[in-house]
């Protein structure tokens, strides 16, 4: 009985580490890198949303280190939480990182005319997991379908985007008013 409880506890710790890593990583990546980059930066939009960009071409075939840098900047939030979650469950942390990487590759297969099977799509919708089809909406319109892993981040990300665009306009208005 004691072994069963110990295994159950370790399993719960691993699942918690996976969930926290993916939830926190996607949250911080969305709200502190991805959305601000769409408002204040140009780097991500050029690499990820420019014409004739495809994940396969850019992430797999290109040797351009700037493309890798965009991926690394988006992944930093996941790695920030790794030391703390490692203490909770090393196995769960590794599984979370692997699932995150798998999801990056999977959500970009839409360029290859991928169609998510209905059963998988239903599972993803139930748990608010971004499918390749949903992520493709973001590639087509850089101001839609936020949340790289979890689609429930889209609505607050849209509000954050609107606020940051307002801040950018105010900043530009005050900085150009000072020049006159």
C-alpha atoms as a PDB file:
ATOM      1  CA  UNK A   1       0.000   0.000   0.000  1.00  0.00           C
ATOM      2  CA  UNK A   2       2.846   2.363   0.876  1.00  0.00           C
ATOM      3  CA  UNK A   3       4.508   1.788  -2.520  1.00  0.00           C
ATOM      4  CA  UNK A   4       1.196   2.462  -4.275  1.00  0.00           C
ATOM      5  CA  UNK A   5       0.819   5.791  -2.443  1.00  0.00           C
ATOM      6  CA  UNK A   6       4.409   6.746  -3.220  1.00  0.00           C
ATOM      7  CA  UNK A   7       3.976   5.964  -6.934  1.00  0.00           C
ATOM      8  CA  UNK A   8       0.661   7.837  -6.980  1.00  0.00           C
ATOM      9  CA  UNK A   9       2.261  10.870  -5.359  1.00  0.00           C
ATOM     10  CA  UNK A  10       5.128  10.852  -7.875  1.00  0.00           C
ATOM     11  CA  UNK A  11       2.602  10.542 -10.720  1.00  0.00           C
ATOM     12  CA  UNK A  12       0.613  13.517  -9.387  1.00  0.00           C
ATOM     13  CA  UNK A  13       3.824  15.550  -9.046  1.00  0.00           C
ATOM     14  CA  UNK A  14       4.818  14.705 -12.627  1.00  0.00           C
ATOM     15  CA  UNK A  15       1.389  15.663 -14.022  1.00  0.00           C
ATOM     16  CA  UNK A  16       1.473  18.895 -12.000  1.00  0.00           C
ATOM     17  CA  UNK A  17       4.943  19.755 -13.317  1.00  0.00           C
ATOM     18  CA  UNK A  18       3.846  19.096 -16.922  1.00  0.00           C
ATOM     19  CA  UNK A  19       0.706  21.208 -16.530  1.00  0.00           C
ATOM     20  CA  UNK A  20       2.476  24.083 -14.767  1.00  0.00           C
ATOM     21  CA  UNK A  21       5.330  24.152 -17.267  1.00  0.00           C
ATOM     22  CA  UNK A  22       2.996  24.295 -20.257  1.00  0.00           C
ATOM     23  CA  UNK A  23       0.527  26.747 -18.688  1.00  0.00           C
ATOM     24  CA  UNK A  24       3.134  29.118 -17.266  1.00  0.00           C
ATOM     25  CA  UNK A  25       5.444  28.856 -20.266  1.00  0.00           C
ATOM     26  CA  UNK A  26       2.647  29.615 -22.727  1.00  0.00           C
ATOM     27  CA  UNK A  27       1.339  32.450 -20.538  1.00  0.00           C
ATOM     28  CA  UNK A  28       4.681  34.215 -20.204  1.00  0.00           C
ATOM     29  CA  UNK A  29       5.665  33.517 -23.800  1.00  0.00           C
ATOM     30  CA  UNK A  30       2.347  34.927 -25.056  1.00  0.00           C
ATOM     31  CA  UNK A  31       2.097  37.994 -22.823  1.00  0.00           C
ATOM     32  CA  UNK A  32       5.739  38.962 -22.351  1.00  0.00           C
ATOM     33  CA  UNK A  33       7.257  38.018 -25.721  1.00  0.00           C
ATOM     34  CA  UNK A  34       4.784  37.180 -28.448  1.00  0.00           C
ATOM     35  CA  UNK A  35       2.174  39.956 -28.088  1.00  0.00           C
ATOM     36  CA  UNK A  36       4.684  42.725 -27.235  1.00  0.00           C
ATOM     37  CA  UNK A  37       6.816  41.642 -30.194  1.00  0.00           C
ATOM     38  CA  UNK A  38       3.793  42.118 -32.480  1.00  0.00           C
ATOM     39  CA  UNK A  39       3.332  45.655 -31.153  1.00  0.00           C
ATOM     40  CA  UNK A  40       6.820  46.996 -30.511  1.00  0.00           C
ATOM     41  CA  UNK A  41       9.092  44.706 -32.495  1.00  0.00           C
ATOM     42  CA  UNK A  42       9.548  43.654 -36.043  1.00  0.00           C
ATOM     43  CA  UNK A  43      11.751  40.613 -35.576  1.00  0.00           C
ATOM     44  CA  UNK A  44       9.070  37.995 -34.857  1.00  0.00           C
ATOM     45  CA  UNK A  45       6.689  39.276 -37.512  1.00  0.00           C
ATOM     46  CA  UNK A  46       9.366  39.228 -40.198  1.00  0.00           C
ATOM     47  CA  UNK A  47      10.520  35.717 -39.308  1.00  0.00           C
ATOM     48  CA  UNK A  48       7.148  34.165 -38.436  1.00  0.00           C
ATOM     49  CA  UNK A  49       4.562  36.118 -40.427  1.00  0.00           C
ATOM     50  CA  UNK A  50       6.362  37.400 -43.529  1.00  0.00           C
ATOM     51  CA  UNK A  51       5.253  36.390 -46.997  1.00  0.00           C
ATOM     52  CA  UNK A  52       6.387  32.951 -48.157  1.00  0.00           C
ATOM     53  CA  UNK A  53       7.417  31.892 -44.673  1.00  0.00           C
ATOM     54  CA  UNK A  54       6.874  28.314 -43.683  1.00  0.00           C
ATOM     55  CA  UNK A  55       7.885  26.550 -40.513  1.00  0.00           C
ATOM     56  CA  UNK A  56       9.451  23.720 -42.482  1.00  0.00           C
ATOM     57  CA  UNK A  57      11.525  26.064 -44.595  1.00  0.00           C
ATOM     58  CA  UNK A  58      12.479  28.455 -41.828  1.00  0.00           C
ATOM     59  CA  UNK A  59      12.941  26.170 -38.856  1.00  0.00           C
ATOM     60  CA  UNK A  60      14.230  23.070 -40.592  1.00  0.00           C
ATOM     61  CA  UNK A  61      15.938  24.013 -43.835  1.00  0.00           C
ATOM     62  CA  UNK A  62      17.330  27.477 -43.164  1.00  0.00           C
ATOM     63  CA  UNK A  63      20.704  28.011 -41.611  1.00  0.00           C
ATOM     64  CA  UNK A  64      19.779  31.568 -40.551  1.00  0.00           C
ATOM     65  CA  UNK A  65      20.613  31.936 -36.830  1.00  0.00           C
ATOM     66  CA  UNK A  66      18.049  34.756 -36.472  1.00  0.00           C
ATOM     67  CA  UNK A  67      15.276  32.235 -37.082  1.00  0.00           C
ATOM     68  CA  UNK A  68      16.615  30.097 -34.279  1.00  0.00           C
ATOM     69  CA  UNK A  69      16.815  33.210 -32.077  1.00  0.00           C
ATOM     70  CA  UNK A  70      13.061  33.847 -32.495  1.00  0.00           C
ATOM     71  CA  UNK A  71      12.351  30.291 -31.356  1.00  0.00           C
ATOM     72  CA  UNK A  72      14.736  30.605 -28.414  1.00  0.00           C
ATOM     73  CA  UNK A  73      13.189  33.896 -27.288  1.00  0.00           C
ATOM     74  CA  UNK A  74       9.745  32.283 -27.384  1.00  0.00           C
ATOM     75  CA  UNK A  75      11.033  29.284 -25.417  1.00  0.00           C
ATOM     76  CA  UNK A  76      12.843  31.190 -22.649  1.00  0.00           C
ATOM     77  CA  UNK A  77       9.711  31.395 -20.456  1.00  0.00           C
ATOM     78  CA  UNK A  78       9.516  27.604 -20.410  1.00  0.00           C
ATOM     79  CA  UNK A  79      13.132  27.288 -19.345  1.00  0.00           C
ATOM     80  CA  UNK A  80      12.774  29.942 -16.630  1.00  0.00           C
ATOM     81  CA  UNK A  81      10.431  27.649 -14.708  1.00  0.00           C
ATOM     82  CA  UNK A  82      12.491  24.500 -15.270  1.00  0.00           C
ATOM     83  CA  UNK A  83      14.658  24.761 -12.094  1.00  0.00           C
ATOM     84  CA  UNK A  84      11.625  25.108  -9.795  1.00  0.00           C
ATOM     85  CA  UNK A  85       9.544  22.465 -11.505  1.00  0.00           C
ATOM     86  CA  UNK A  86      12.557  20.121 -11.593  1.00  0.00           C
ATOM     87  CA  UNK A  87      12.425  20.109  -7.801  1.00  0.00           C
ATOM     88  CA  UNK A  88       8.781  19.057  -7.974  1.00  0.00           C
ATOM     89  CA  UNK A  89       9.351  16.381 -10.638  1.00  0.00           C
ATOM     90  CA  UNK A  90      12.319  15.965 -12.948  1.00  0.00           C
ATOM     91  CA  UNK A  91      10.373  13.451 -15.065  1.00  0.00           C
ATOM     92  CA  UNK A  92       7.369  15.795 -15.323  1.00  0.00           C
ATOM     93  CA  UNK A  93       9.606  18.716 -16.284  1.00  0.00           C
ATOM     94  CA  UNK A  94      11.307  16.713 -19.039  1.00  0.00           C
ATOM     95  CA  UNK A  95       7.947  15.451 -20.323  1.00  0.00           C
ATOM     96  CA  UNK A  96       6.600  19.031 -20.283  1.00  0.00           C
ATOM     97  CA  UNK A  97       9.567  20.319 -22.296  1.00  0.00           C
ATOM     98  CA  UNK A  98       9.208  17.451 -24.782  1.00  0.00           C
ATOM     99  CA  UNK A  99       5.451  18.026 -25.125  1.00  0.00           C
ATOM    100  CA  UNK A 100       6.065  21.745 -25.650  1.00  0.00           C
ATOM    101  CA  UNK A 101       8.582  21.036 -28.409  1.00  0.00           C
ATOM    102  CA  UNK A 102       6.313  18.431 -29.968  1.00  0.00           C
ATOM    103  CA  UNK A 103       3.491  20.978 -30.002  1.00  0.00           C
ATOM    104  CA  UNK A 104       5.704  23.584 -31.720  1.00  0.00           C
ATOM    105  CA  UNK A 105       6.418  21.148 -34.545  1.00  0.00           C
ATOM    106  CA  UNK A 106       2.862  19.783 -34.686  1.00  0.00           C
ATOM    107  CA  UNK A 107       1.136  23.177 -34.826  1.00  0.00           C
ATOM    108  CA  UNK A 108       3.285  24.111 -37.805  1.00  0.00           C
ATOM    109  CA  UNK A 109       2.416  21.100 -39.973  1.00  0.00           C
ATOM    110  CA  UNK A 110      -0.521  23.078 -41.420  1.00  0.00           C
ATOM    111  CA  UNK A 111       1.824  24.363 -44.112  1.00  0.00           C
ATOM    112  CA  UNK A 112       1.984  20.757 -45.315  1.00  0.00           C
ATOM    113  CA  UNK A 113      -1.831  20.720 -45.796  1.00  0.00           C
ATOM    114  CA  UNK A 114      -2.319  18.786 -42.555  1.00  0.00           C
ATOM    115  CA  UNK A 115      -5.856  18.062 -41.392  1.00  0.00           C
ATOM    116  CA  UNK A 116      -6.226  17.183 -37.715  1.00  0.00           C
ATOM    117  CA  UNK A 117      -8.342  14.031 -37.263  1.00  0.00           C
ATOM    118  CA  UNK A 118     -11.765  14.804 -35.777  1.00  0.00           C
ATOM    119  CA  UNK A 119     -11.148  12.755 -32.618  1.00  0.00           C
ATOM    120  CA  UNK A 120      -7.880  14.613 -31.948  1.00  0.00           C
ATOM    121  CA  UNK A 121      -9.533  17.951 -32.757  1.00  0.00           C
ATOM    122  CA  UNK A 122     -12.341  17.165 -30.266  1.00  0.00           C
ATOM    123  CA  UNK A 123      -9.776  16.311 -27.565  1.00  0.00           C
ATOM    124  CA  UNK A 124      -7.867  19.531 -28.301  1.00  0.00           C
ATOM    125  CA  UNK A 125     -11.039  21.614 -28.179  1.00  0.00           C
ATOM    126  CA  UNK A 126     -12.028  20.023 -24.871  1.00  0.00           C
ATOM    127  CA  UNK A 127      -8.682  21.020 -23.310  1.00  0.00           C
ATOM    128  CA  UNK A 128      -8.287  24.306 -25.258  1.00  0.00           C
ATOM    129  CA  UNK A 129      -5.181  23.055 -27.054  1.00  0.00           C
ATOM    130  CA  UNK A 130      -4.220  24.948 -30.186  1.00  0.00           C
ATOM    131  CA  UNK A 131      -4.453  22.813 -33.317  1.00  0.00           C
ATOM    132  CA  UNK A 132      -2.385  23.362 -36.467  1.00  0.00           C
ATOM    133  CA  UNK A 133      -5.479  24.762 -38.187  1.00  0.00           C
ATOM    134  CA  UNK A 134      -5.989  27.333 -35.436  1.00  0.00           C
ATOM    135  CA  UNK A 135      -2.316  28.270 -35.411  1.00  0.00           C
ATOM    136  CA  UNK A 136      -2.448  28.720 -39.179  1.00  0.00           C
ATOM    137  CA  UNK A 137      -5.066  31.448 -38.566  1.00  0.00           C
ATOM    138  CA  UNK A 138      -2.365  33.284 -36.607  1.00  0.00           C
ATOM    139  CA  UNK A 139       0.104  32.895 -39.458  1.00  0.00           C
ATOM    140  CA  UNK A 140      -2.446  34.373 -41.840  1.00  0.00           C
ATOM    141  CA  UNK A 141      -3.448  37.209 -39.490  1.00  0.00           C
ATOM    142  CA  UNK A 142      -0.779  38.195 -36.981  1.00  0.00           C
ATOM    143  CA  UNK A 143      -3.424  39.869 -34.800  1.00  0.00           C
ATOM    144  CA  UNK A 144      -5.646  36.795 -34.342  1.00  0.00           C
ATOM    145  CA  UNK A 145      -5.555  33.377 -32.633  1.00  0.00           C
ATOM    146  CA  UNK A 146      -3.035  33.931 -29.851  1.00  0.00           C
ATOM    147  CA  UNK A 147      -1.952  31.252 -27.405  1.00  0.00           C
ATOM    148  CA  UNK A 148       0.661  28.973 -28.896  1.00  0.00           C
ATOM    149  CA  UNK A 149      -0.341  25.957 -26.834  1.00  0.00           C
ATOM    150  CA  UNK A 150      -3.597  26.987 -25.153  1.00  0.00           C
ATOM    151  CA  UNK A 151      -6.329  28.757 -27.071  1.00  0.00           C
ATOM    152  CA  UNK A 152      -7.907  30.228 -23.909  1.00  0.00           C
ATOM    153  CA  UNK A 153      -5.088  32.781 -23.861  1.00  0.00           C
ATOM    154  CA  UNK A 154      -6.444  34.326 -27.072  1.00  0.00           C
ATOM    155  CA  UNK A 155      -9.087  36.616 -25.546  1.00  0.00           C
ATOM    156  CA  UNK A 156      -6.847  38.134 -22.837  1.00  0.00           C
ATOM    157  CA  UNK A 157      -4.013  38.353 -25.387  1.00  0.00           C
ATOM    158  CA  UNK A 158      -6.304  40.330 -27.711  1.00  0.00           C
ATOM    159  CA  UNK A 159      -7.047  42.751 -24.860  1.00  0.00           C
ATOM    160  CA  UNK A 160      -3.331  42.989 -24.028  1.00  0.00           C
ATOM    161  CA  UNK A 161      -2.582  43.623 -27.712  1.00  0.00           C
ATOM    162  CA  UNK A 162      -5.167  46.434 -27.816  1.00  0.00           C
ATOM    163  CA  UNK A 163      -3.729  48.005 -24.657  1.00  0.00           C
ATOM    164  CA  UNK A 164      -0.137  47.799 -25.893  1.00  0.00           C
ATOM    165  CA  UNK A 165      -1.110  49.309 -29.251  1.00  0.00           C
ATOM    166  CA  UNK A 166      -2.768  52.177 -27.331  1.00  0.00           C
ATOM    167  CA  UNK A 167       0.426  52.653 -25.295  1.00  0.00           C
ATOM    168  CA  UNK A 168       2.508  52.648 -28.486  1.00  0.00           C
ATOM    169  CA  UNK A 169       0.240  55.287 -30.102  1.00  0.00           C
ATOM    170  CA  UNK A 170       0.368  57.465 -26.965  1.00  0.00           C
ATOM    171  CA  UNK A 171       4.143  57.156 -26.773  1.00  0.00           C
ATOM    172  CA  UNK A 172       4.536  58.068 -30.447  1.00  0.00           C
ATOM    173  CA  UNK A 173       2.126  60.983 -30.088  1.00  0.00           C
ATOM    174  CA  UNK A 174       3.987  62.420 -27.089  1.00  0.00           C
ATOM    175  CA  UNK A 175       7.423  61.847 -28.618  1.00  0.00           C
ATOM    176  CA  UNK A 176       6.457  63.514 -31.927  1.00  0.00           C
ATOM    177  CA  UNK A 177       4.715  66.398 -30.074  1.00  0.00           C
ATOM    178  CA  UNK A 178       7.984  67.112 -28.274  1.00  0.00           C
ATOM    179  CA  UNK A 179       9.772  67.449 -31.630  1.00  0.00           C
ATOM    180  CA  UNK A 180       7.505  70.232 -32.885  1.00  0.00           C
END
